Amino acid sequence: MKVDRLSQPGDGLVNEDLVLSGRCHALVIDGATAEPGAETGCVHDVRWLVARLGTALDRLLVERPAEDLRAVLRAAIESVRDAHSGTCDLGNPCGPTATVAILRERDGFADYLVLSDSAVVLERLDGTVEAVIDDRIDRLLHLSWQEVRPLRNAPGGFWVAGSDPAAAAQARTGTVELSRLRRAALLTDGAYRLVERYGWTWRRLLDVAELDGPAAVVHETRRAELRTAPGHFAGKHHDDATVAFCRFETTAAPLTRPTHEVTK
């Protein structure tokens, strides 16, 4: 598996996303924006959690190459929890959290995991495209911060990686035969808003990532955002955007340049 990757901050200079990859895996993490004015009970910020969680996952995916991805994620969350259990209130529902997406190549198969609203997008050799997104949080967008708080990592709510290892069991997972897989991408929500907001198809996004690289996907995202009036969509006008594009050794012919070109 060959991985091209990029992560770019959104509105500010601080990037709370992370992308990492190894010989047989790729992962993206999106740190959740802290609730304004809330007491988190933690002396660390979201970037600390993202960095710790990413480092733990990167290591465990190498050390445990065949273990169930939910178990790998649980072990990574436990590692992060143990790193600040002596200094922080880990029961505080406003503590730092993050989304996770993982793709791993293993013995002729590709395993994937998604927790919260980052995405794994898979294109098979037959041309079908599947986007795997844990969208439970989307059902709560009409609620206030105060209403969402008790639904975090709770039945009937949504699940994120934070201080509760039990959240790992709620991740969406699956396995695809490598012989049937052509290409894939892992994206944080700031990178797949081209599909979510601006009418792109997943195949078009994959084409741009393959032909021009992840930077072109982010470039097109920023162009679309600049043409949109602030406040037109809920949420941030510019979000951190992260892409990991994965190629596989298959019998598929190389991609020829499509009609939709990227303007540099």
Foldseek 3Di string as FASTA:
>chain_A
DDKFKDWDFWPDRDALKDWDDDPFKIKIKHKDDFDPPDDQQFPDDSSVVNVQLVVQLVVLCVVPVPDDVLVSSLVSLQRSLVVCVPPGDQVRLRHIWMWMWMWGDDDQKIKIKTFAAKWKWFAWPVGDIDIDGDDQQVVCVVDDPVVLSVQEPDPPGGYTRDNDSVSSVVIDMDMDGLQGTFKMKIKHPLQPVCVVPVPDDPVVLLLCCQPPNPVLSNVVSVVVLVVDDPPPDPDDSIGIIMMMIGGGDYPDDDDDRDPDDGDD
